[in-house]
Structure formats: C-alpha cells, structure tokens
Amino acid sequence: MTDLQSQFGQIDIYLFDQLLRGRVAPDARICDAGCGSGRNLVYLLRAGYDVRAVDADPSAIASVRSLAATLAPQLPADNFRVEAVESMSFEDRSVDVLISSAVLHFARDDRHFEAMLQACWRVLDRHGLFFCRLASSIGIESLVRPVGSGRFLLPDGSERYLVTEARLMALAAQLGGELIDPLKTTLVQNQRSMTTWVMRKV
C-alpha cells in the first residue's frame, strides 16, 4: 500500500481509469486546473509528463512546486501558477489533457461556472481530453435545496454549484465536445452526488 501511494499519490480513481485505458499518451501535455496540493499529479510528474497547473491558493502552488522539484526537476517552476482557473494564462490549445477535479462546483454563479469551463476548454488542444469531476444533482434532485445563482444546499450540509445531466449534455454540444464515456455518477448515501464528465475536443 505504501508503495502504491508513493507511486500514485491520492489520485482520483476515475482519472486513474483514464490512464489504465491508455487515453493519456506518454507525450501528452497536461494541465490540472485547480490542482490543490497536487494529489492528481504525483504519478504524472513521476512518469515524466509535461505537467502544468494552476490554483488560486498560493500555498497549494507552493506544495505543487515542491512536489515537482522532487519528482520532475526538469519542469520549470513557472509551469505551476497562482491563478484562478478562469484567469489561466497558459496559451490557447497548449495542452492535450485538461484535468478539472472537484473544482467547478465551487463556482459562485452561472457566469463564474461558464468562465472557468471556457478557460479550461480554451487551453485544450484539438482532439484533447477533458476530464472533469464535479458535484451534480443527479440522483438527489428531491434532496437538494436551491439557494440562488445555481447553488444548492446539499444533504451533507455543504453548499455547491450543481449541474444536471441535461446541462452537461447541452454544454458538451455547445463547446463542441464528444463524450467518450457516458456520464458516471457516484451517489453517496443520499448525501451528495459526484459526476464524471469526460469529453474529447472535436
């Protein structure tokens, strides 16, 4: 177990599934938009991927830079930037894989959600892989209470921006994205719901 953790860190199991299925090419350029302390980056850094990341929290980026200095010293520190997702300064179409893991549901309102999503899509190259995990109302529609601006109070006591299946499908069509997996939703004992949204940019 210790060896697995040192190799993969606390990687999202659904992101791990994409790796297992060969959807992340060895030469892929990868961006983690809202990386936190880098739990999804340990394996990618260790395996020599061209990794970059943003987070609005300076301490999170400091942690990721430290991690990268140990596991991938060839990467420049500027690959890891203190920036809000919607304000990413990476160039258009500069990455092949965009990771957005448990980030978009922190949107303040519809406008903020769409700004973050558009920024992620902007930096993703044509035919790139968009991997997203976010809170949804799928399966718990009758248990969430709207509090305005697209945000809801969940049974677990948290407040999140929530999407529906119809909204995700409409956004995919609007962006020009092709679902390469059906939407997969994990329902945690009627407390919260997390949906995995994986698309190819076409």
C-alpha atoms as a PDB file:
ATOM      1  CA  MET A   1       0.000   0.000   0.000  1.00  0.00           C
ATOM      2  CA  THR A   2       2.778   2.423   0.869  1.00  0.00           C
ATOM      3  CA  ASP A   3       4.488   1.716  -2.450  1.00  0.00           C
ATOM      4  CA  LEU A   4       1.246   2.331  -4.368  1.00  0.00           C
ATOM      5  CA  GLN A   5       0.710   5.623  -2.555  1.00  0.00           C
ATOM      6  CA  SER A   6       4.243   6.766  -3.286  1.00  0.00           C
ATOM      7  CA  GLN A   7       3.728   5.963  -6.967  1.00  0.00           C
ATOM      8  CA  PHE A   8       0.208   7.286  -7.469  1.00  0.00           C
ATOM      9  CA  GLY A   9      -0.479   9.583  -4.519  1.00  0.00           C
ATOM     10  CA  GLN A  10      -4.165  10.148  -3.810  1.00  0.00           C
ATOM     11  CA  ILE A  11      -5.123  10.124  -7.490  1.00  0.00           C
ATOM     12  CA  ASP A  12      -8.811  10.308  -8.369  1.00  0.00           C
ATOM     13  CA  ILE A  13      -9.880   6.744  -9.147  1.00  0.00           C
ATOM     14  CA  TYR A  14     -11.732   7.877 -12.279  1.00  0.00           C
ATOM     15  CA  LEU A  15      -8.639   9.680 -13.569  1.00  0.00           C
ATOM     16  CA  PHE A  16      -6.667   6.519 -12.846  1.00  0.00           C
ATOM     17  CA  ASP A  17      -9.213   4.684 -15.016  1.00  0.00           C
ATOM     18  CA  GLN A  18      -8.398   7.001 -17.945  1.00  0.00           C
ATOM     19  CA  LEU A  19      -4.698   6.196 -17.525  1.00  0.00           C
ATOM     20  CA  LEU A  20      -5.382   2.464 -17.398  1.00  0.00           C
ATOM     21  CA  ARG A  21      -7.352   2.679 -20.637  1.00  0.00           C
ATOM     22  CA  GLY A  22      -4.473   4.363 -22.430  1.00  0.00           C
ATOM     23  CA  ARG A  23      -6.200   7.667 -23.014  1.00  0.00           C
ATOM     24  CA  VAL A  24      -3.251   9.739 -21.804  1.00  0.00           C
ATOM     25  CA  ALA A  25      -0.427   9.412 -24.325  1.00  0.00           C
ATOM     26  CA  PRO A  26       3.147   9.274 -22.974  1.00  0.00           C
ATOM     27  CA  ASP A  27       3.974  12.602 -24.647  1.00  0.00           C
ATOM     28  CA  ALA A  28       0.780  14.366 -23.514  1.00  0.00           C
ATOM     29  CA  ARG A  29       0.897  17.923 -22.241  1.00  0.00           C
ATOM     30  CA  ILE A  30      -1.254  18.010 -19.104  1.00  0.00           C
ATOM     31  CA  CYS A  31      -2.856  20.835 -17.128  1.00  0.00           C
ATOM     32  CA  ASP A  32      -4.519  20.455 -13.734  1.00  0.00           C
ATOM     33  CA  ALA A  33      -6.886  23.417 -13.442  1.00  0.00           C
ATOM     34  CA  GLY A  34      -7.463  23.884  -9.726  1.00  0.00           C
ATOM     35  CA  CYS A  35      -4.759  21.451  -8.642  1.00  0.00           C
ATOM     36  CA  GLY A  36      -4.889  21.901  -4.875  1.00  0.00           C
ATOM     37  CA  SER A  37      -1.831  20.325  -3.284  1.00  0.00           C
ATOM     38  CA  GLY A  38      -1.311  18.102  -6.340  1.00  0.00           C
ATOM     39  CA  ARG A  39      -2.972  14.849  -5.366  1.00  0.00           C
ATOM     40  CA  ASN A  40      -3.624  14.007  -9.033  1.00  0.00           C
ATOM     41  CA  LEU A  41      -0.137  14.928 -10.182  1.00  0.00           C
ATOM     42  CA  VAL A  42       2.161  12.535  -8.306  1.00  0.00           C
ATOM     43  CA  TYR A  43       2.124   9.761 -10.905  1.00  0.00           C
ATOM     44  CA  LEU A  44       2.116  12.186 -13.855  1.00  0.00           C
ATOM     45  CA  LEU A  45       5.183  14.023 -12.550  1.00  0.00           C
ATOM     46  CA  ARG A  46       6.951  10.802 -11.681  1.00  0.00           C
ATOM     47  CA  ALA A  47       6.239   9.364 -15.146  1.00  0.00           C
ATOM     48  CA  GLY A  48       7.828  12.326 -16.921  1.00  0.00           C
ATOM     49  CA  TYR A  49       4.745  14.023 -18.345  1.00  0.00           C
ATOM     50  CA  ASP A  50       4.853  17.670 -19.379  1.00  0.00           C
ATOM     51  CA  VAL A  51       2.730  18.939 -16.486  1.00  0.00           C
ATOM     52  CA  ARG A  52       1.448  22.386 -15.631  1.00  0.00           C
ATOM     53  CA  ALA A  53      -1.129  23.513 -13.100  1.00  0.00           C
ATOM     54  CA  VAL A  54      -2.944  26.475 -11.606  1.00  0.00           C
ATOM     55  CA  ASP A  55      -4.602  27.167  -8.289  1.00  0.00           C
ATOM     56  CA  ALA A  56      -5.726  30.405  -6.671  1.00  0.00           C
ATOM     57  CA  ASP A  57      -4.201  29.344  -3.332  1.00  0.00           C
ATOM     58  CA  PRO A  58      -0.506  30.304  -3.098  1.00  0.00           C
ATOM     59  CA  SER A  59       0.180  27.599  -0.506  1.00  0.00           C
ATOM     60  CA  ALA A  60      -1.248  24.947  -2.858  1.00  0.00           C
ATOM     61  CA  ILE A  61       1.054  26.033  -5.666  1.00  0.00           C
ATOM     62  CA  ALA A  62       3.997  26.130  -3.268  1.00  0.00           C
ATOM     63  CA  SER A  63       3.256  22.497  -2.400  1.00  0.00           C
ATOM     64  CA  VAL A  64       2.997  21.504  -6.059  1.00  0.00           C
ATOM     65  CA  ARG A  65       6.242  23.279  -6.944  1.00  0.00           C
ATOM     66  CA  SER A  66       7.960  21.421  -4.121  1.00  0.00           C
ATOM     67  CA  LEU A  67       6.498  18.139  -5.335  1.00  0.00           C
ATOM     68  CA  ALA A  68       7.602  18.847  -8.898  1.00  0.00           C
ATOM     69  CA  ALA A  69      11.105  19.848  -7.779  1.00  0.00           C
ATOM     70  CA  THR A  70      11.452  16.378  -6.241  1.00  0.00           C
ATOM     71  CA  LEU A  71       9.693  14.241  -8.868  1.00  0.00           C
ATOM     72  CA  ALA A  72      10.237  16.227 -12.082  1.00  0.00           C
ATOM     73  CA  PRO A  73      13.060  18.750 -11.616  1.00  0.00           C
ATOM     74  CA  GLN A  74      13.249  19.267 -15.382  1.00  0.00           C
ATOM     75  CA  LEU A  75       9.959  21.191 -15.314  1.00  0.00           C
ATOM     76  CA  PRO A  76      10.204  24.976 -14.844  1.00  0.00           C
ATOM     77  CA  ALA A  77       8.633  26.426 -11.716  1.00  0.00           C
ATOM     78  CA  ASP A  78       6.576  28.737 -13.952  1.00  0.00           C
ATOM     79  CA  ASN A  79       4.578  25.713 -15.087  1.00  0.00           C
ATOM     80  CA  PHE A  80       2.809  25.997 -11.722  1.00  0.00           C
ATOM     81  CA  ARG A  81       0.999  29.292 -11.352  1.00  0.00           C
ATOM     82  CA  VAL A  82      -1.004  31.082  -8.678  1.00  0.00           C
ATOM     83  CA  GLU A  83      -4.039  31.860 -10.802  1.00  0.00           C
ATOM     84  CA  ALA A  84      -7.781  31.402 -10.688  1.00  0.00           C
ATOM     85  CA  VAL A  85      -8.999  28.813 -13.173  1.00  0.00           C
ATOM     86  CA  GLU A  86     -10.980  31.393 -15.133  1.00  0.00           C
ATOM     87  CA  SER A  87      -7.830  33.538 -15.437  1.00  0.00           C
ATOM     88  CA  MET A  88      -5.341  30.876 -16.565  1.00  0.00           C
ATOM     89  CA  SER A  89      -2.513  32.465 -18.534  1.00  0.00           C
ATOM     90  CA  PHE A  90      -1.480  29.358 -20.473  1.00  0.00           C
ATOM     91  CA  GLU A  91      -1.732  29.764 -24.220  1.00  0.00           C
ATOM     92  CA  ASP A  92      -4.699  28.648 -26.298  1.00  0.00           C
ATOM     93  CA  ARG A  93      -4.615  24.961 -27.276  1.00  0.00           C
ATOM     94  CA  SER A  94      -1.409  24.395 -25.310  1.00  0.00           C
ATOM     95  CA  VAL A  95      -2.341  21.110 -23.574  1.00  0.00           C
ATOM     96  CA  ASP A  96      -3.580  17.668 -24.589  1.00  0.00           C
ATOM     97  CA  VAL A  97      -5.265  16.741 -21.298  1.00  0.00           C
ATOM     98  CA  LEU A  98      -7.176  19.106 -19.026  1.00  0.00           C
ATOM     99  CA  ILE A  99      -7.970  17.889 -15.511  1.00  0.00           C
ATOM    100  CA  SER A 100     -10.714  19.598 -13.518  1.00  0.00           C
ATOM    101  CA  SER A 101     -11.200  17.519 -10.406  1.00  0.00           C
ATOM    102  CA  ALA A 102     -13.710  18.747  -7.803  1.00  0.00           C
ATOM    103  CA  VAL A 103     -13.318  22.380  -8.862  1.00  0.00           C
ATOM    104  CA  LEU A 104     -16.228  23.623 -10.987  1.00  0.00           C
ATOM    105  CA  HIS A 105     -18.793  23.085  -8.219  1.00  0.00           C
ATOM    106  CA  PHE A 106     -17.152  25.924  -6.289  1.00  0.00           C
ATOM    107  CA  ALA A 107     -18.483  28.379  -8.893  1.00  0.00           C
ATOM    108  CA  ARG A 108     -20.165  31.412  -7.365  1.00  0.00           C
ATOM    109  CA  ASP A 109     -22.869  31.540 -10.047  1.00  0.00           C
ATOM    110  CA  ASP A 110     -23.633  30.637 -13.671  1.00  0.00           C
ATOM    111  CA  ARG A 111     -21.279  33.282 -15.034  1.00  0.00           C
ATOM    112  CA  HIS A 112     -18.359  32.104 -12.907  1.00  0.00           C
ATOM    113  CA  PHE A 113     -19.001  28.452 -13.799  1.00  0.00           C
ATOM    114  CA  GLU A 114     -19.056  29.214 -17.508  1.00  0.00           C
ATOM    115  CA  ALA A 115     -15.912  31.372 -17.257  1.00  0.00           C
ATOM    116  CA  MET A 116     -13.995  28.526 -15.606  1.00  0.00           C
ATOM    117  CA  LEU A 117     -15.270  25.990 -18.116  1.00  0.00           C
ATOM    118  CA  GLN A 118     -14.449  28.212 -21.108  1.00  0.00           C
ATOM    119  CA  ALA A 119     -10.919  28.810 -19.777  1.00  0.00           C
ATOM    120  CA  CYS A 120     -10.358  25.060 -19.477  1.00  0.00           C
ATOM    121  CA  TRP A 121     -11.659  24.498 -22.999  1.00  0.00           C
ATOM    122  CA  ARG A 122      -9.535  27.345 -24.399  1.00  0.00           C
ATOM    123  CA  VAL A 123      -6.210  25.840 -23.314  1.00  0.00           C
ATOM    124  CA  LEU A 124      -7.161  22.336 -24.502  1.00  0.00           C
ATOM    125  CA  ASP A 125      -5.837  21.448 -27.954  1.00  0.00           C
ATOM    126  CA  ARG A 126      -7.975  19.959 -30.706  1.00  0.00           C
ATOM    127  CA  HIS A 127      -8.756  16.288 -30.016  1.00  0.00           C
ATOM    128  CA  GLY A 128      -7.627  16.852 -26.414  1.00  0.00           C
ATOM    129  CA  LEU A 129      -9.097  15.017 -23.426  1.00  0.00           C
ATOM    130  CA  PHE A 130     -11.232  16.930 -20.935  1.00  0.00           C
ATOM    131  CA  PHE A 131     -11.539  15.097 -17.614  1.00  0.00           C
ATOM    132  CA  CYS A 132     -13.925  16.628 -15.091  1.00  0.00           C
ATOM    133  CA  ARG A 133     -15.361  15.547 -11.758  1.00  0.00           C
ATOM    134  CA  LEU A 134     -17.975  17.841 -10.272  1.00  0.00           C
ATOM    135  CA  ALA A 135     -20.954  17.863  -7.964  1.00  0.00           C
ATOM    136  CA  SER A 136     -24.339  17.382  -9.593  1.00  0.00           C
ATOM    137  CA  SER A 137     -27.969  16.982  -8.624  1.00  0.00           C
ATOM    138  CA  ILE A 138     -28.209  13.678 -10.494  1.00  0.00           C
ATOM    139  CA  GLY A 139     -29.951  11.120  -8.288  1.00  0.00           C
ATOM    140  CA  ILE A 140     -30.603  13.539  -5.428  1.00  0.00           C
ATOM    141  CA  GLU A 141     -32.843  16.057  -7.183  1.00  0.00           C
ATOM    142  CA  SER A 142     -35.502  15.976  -4.451  1.00  0.00           C
ATOM    143  CA  LEU A 143     -32.954  16.290  -1.650  1.00  0.00           C
ATOM    144  CA  VAL A 144     -31.157  19.498  -2.639  1.00  0.00           C
ATOM    145  CA  ARG A 145     -32.417  22.999  -1.884  1.00  0.00           C
ATOM    146  CA  PRO A 146     -31.712  25.929  -4.227  1.00  0.00           C
ATOM    147  CA  VAL A 147     -30.130  28.963  -2.588  1.00  0.00           C
ATOM    148  CA  GLY A 148     -29.777  31.047  -5.756  1.00  0.00           C
ATOM    149  CA  SER A 149     -27.309  31.626  -8.603  1.00  0.00           C
ATOM    150  CA  GLY A 150     -27.177  27.932  -9.472  1.00  0.00           C
ATOM    151  CA  ARG A 151     -26.016  26.958  -5.985  1.00  0.00           C
ATOM    152  CA  PHE A 152     -27.739  24.409  -3.761  1.00  0.00           C
ATOM    153  CA  LEU A 153     -27.650  23.239  -0.170  1.00  0.00           C
ATOM    154  CA  LEU A 154     -26.833  19.525  -0.104  1.00  0.00           C
ATOM    155  CA  PRO A 155     -27.999  16.981   2.482  1.00  0.00           C
ATOM    156  CA  ASP A 156     -24.411  16.727   3.788  1.00  0.00           C
ATOM    157  CA  GLY A 157     -24.599  20.389   4.822  1.00  0.00           C
ATOM    158  CA  SER A 158     -22.339  21.752   2.076  1.00  0.00           C
ATOM    159  CA  GLU A 159     -23.315  24.360  -0.485  1.00  0.00           C
ATOM    160  CA  ARG A 160     -22.281  23.744  -4.089  1.00  0.00           C
ATOM    161  CA  TYR A 161     -22.956  24.863  -7.623  1.00  0.00           C
ATOM    162  CA  LEU A 162     -24.796  21.892  -9.151  1.00  0.00           C
ATOM    163  CA  VAL A 163     -25.352  20.722 -12.705  1.00  0.00           C
ATOM    164  CA  THR A 164     -27.917  18.378 -14.184  1.00  0.00           C
ATOM    165  CA  GLU A 165     -27.443  15.689 -16.816  1.00  0.00           C
ATOM    166  CA  ALA A 166     -29.281  17.857 -19.345  1.00  0.00           C
ATOM    167  CA  ARG A 167     -26.989  20.815 -18.598  1.00  0.00           C
ATOM    168  CA  LEU A 168     -23.834  18.747 -19.084  1.00  0.00           C
ATOM    169  CA  MET A 169     -25.096  17.353 -22.380  1.00  0.00           C
ATOM    170  CA  ALA A 170     -26.077  20.813 -23.603  1.00  0.00           C
ATOM    171  CA  LEU A 171     -22.672  22.223 -22.607  1.00  0.00           C
ATOM    172  CA  ALA A 172     -20.887  19.408 -24.430  1.00  0.00           C
ATOM    173  CA  ALA A 173     -22.784  20.239 -27.615  1.00  0.00           C
ATOM    174  CA  GLN A 174     -22.185  23.969 -27.177  1.00  0.00           C
ATOM    175  CA  LEU A 175     -18.440  23.514 -26.677  1.00  0.00           C
ATOM    176  CA  GLY A 176     -18.031  21.042 -29.497  1.00  0.00           C
ATOM    177  CA  GLY A 177     -17.135  18.177 -27.206  1.00  0.00           C
ATOM    178  CA  GLU A 178     -17.783  14.492 -27.768  1.00  0.00           C
ATOM    179  CA  LEU A 179     -18.481  12.328 -24.731  1.00  0.00           C
ATOM    180  CA  ILE A 180     -16.078   9.400 -24.819  1.00  0.00           C
ATOM    181  CA  ASP A 181     -17.640   7.852 -21.715  1.00  0.00           C
ATOM    182  CA  PRO A 182     -21.243   8.007 -20.597  1.00  0.00           C
ATOM    183  CA  LEU A 183     -21.763  10.273 -17.605  1.00  0.00           C
ATOM    184  CA  LYS A 184     -20.911   8.330 -14.468  1.00  0.00           C
ATOM    185  CA  THR A 185     -22.395   9.493 -11.193  1.00  0.00           C
ATOM    186  CA  THR A 186     -21.477   8.342  -7.708  1.00  0.00           C
ATOM    187  CA  LEU A 187     -24.249   8.816  -5.172  1.00  0.00           C
ATOM    188  CA  VAL A 188     -23.002   8.876  -1.582  1.00  0.00           C
ATOM    189  CA  GLN A 189     -25.889   7.569   0.514  1.00  0.00           C
ATOM    190  CA  ASN A 190     -28.265  10.401  -0.410  1.00  0.00           C
ATOM    191  CA  GLN A 191     -25.797  12.972   0.933  1.00  0.00           C
ATOM    192  CA  ARG A 192     -24.065  14.198  -2.231  1.00  0.00           C
ATOM    193  CA  SER A 193     -23.607  13.266  -5.849  1.00  0.00           C
ATOM    194  CA  MET A 194     -20.392  13.457  -7.932  1.00  0.00           C
ATOM    195  CA  THR A 195     -20.433  13.110 -11.712  1.00  0.00           C
ATOM    196  CA  THR A 196     -17.529  12.227 -14.010  1.00  0.00           C
ATOM    197  CA  TRP A 197     -17.669  14.090 -17.331  1.00  0.00           C
ATOM    198  CA  VAL A 198     -15.111  13.015 -19.950  1.00  0.00           C
ATOM    199  CA  MET A 199     -15.013  14.539 -23.423  1.00  0.00           C
ATOM    200  CA  ARG A 200     -12.811  14.749 -26.479  1.00  0.00           C
ATOM    201  CA  LYS A 201     -12.476  18.210 -28.052  1.00  0.00           C
ATOM    202  CA  VAL A 202     -13.618  17.905 -31.654  1.00  0.00           C
END
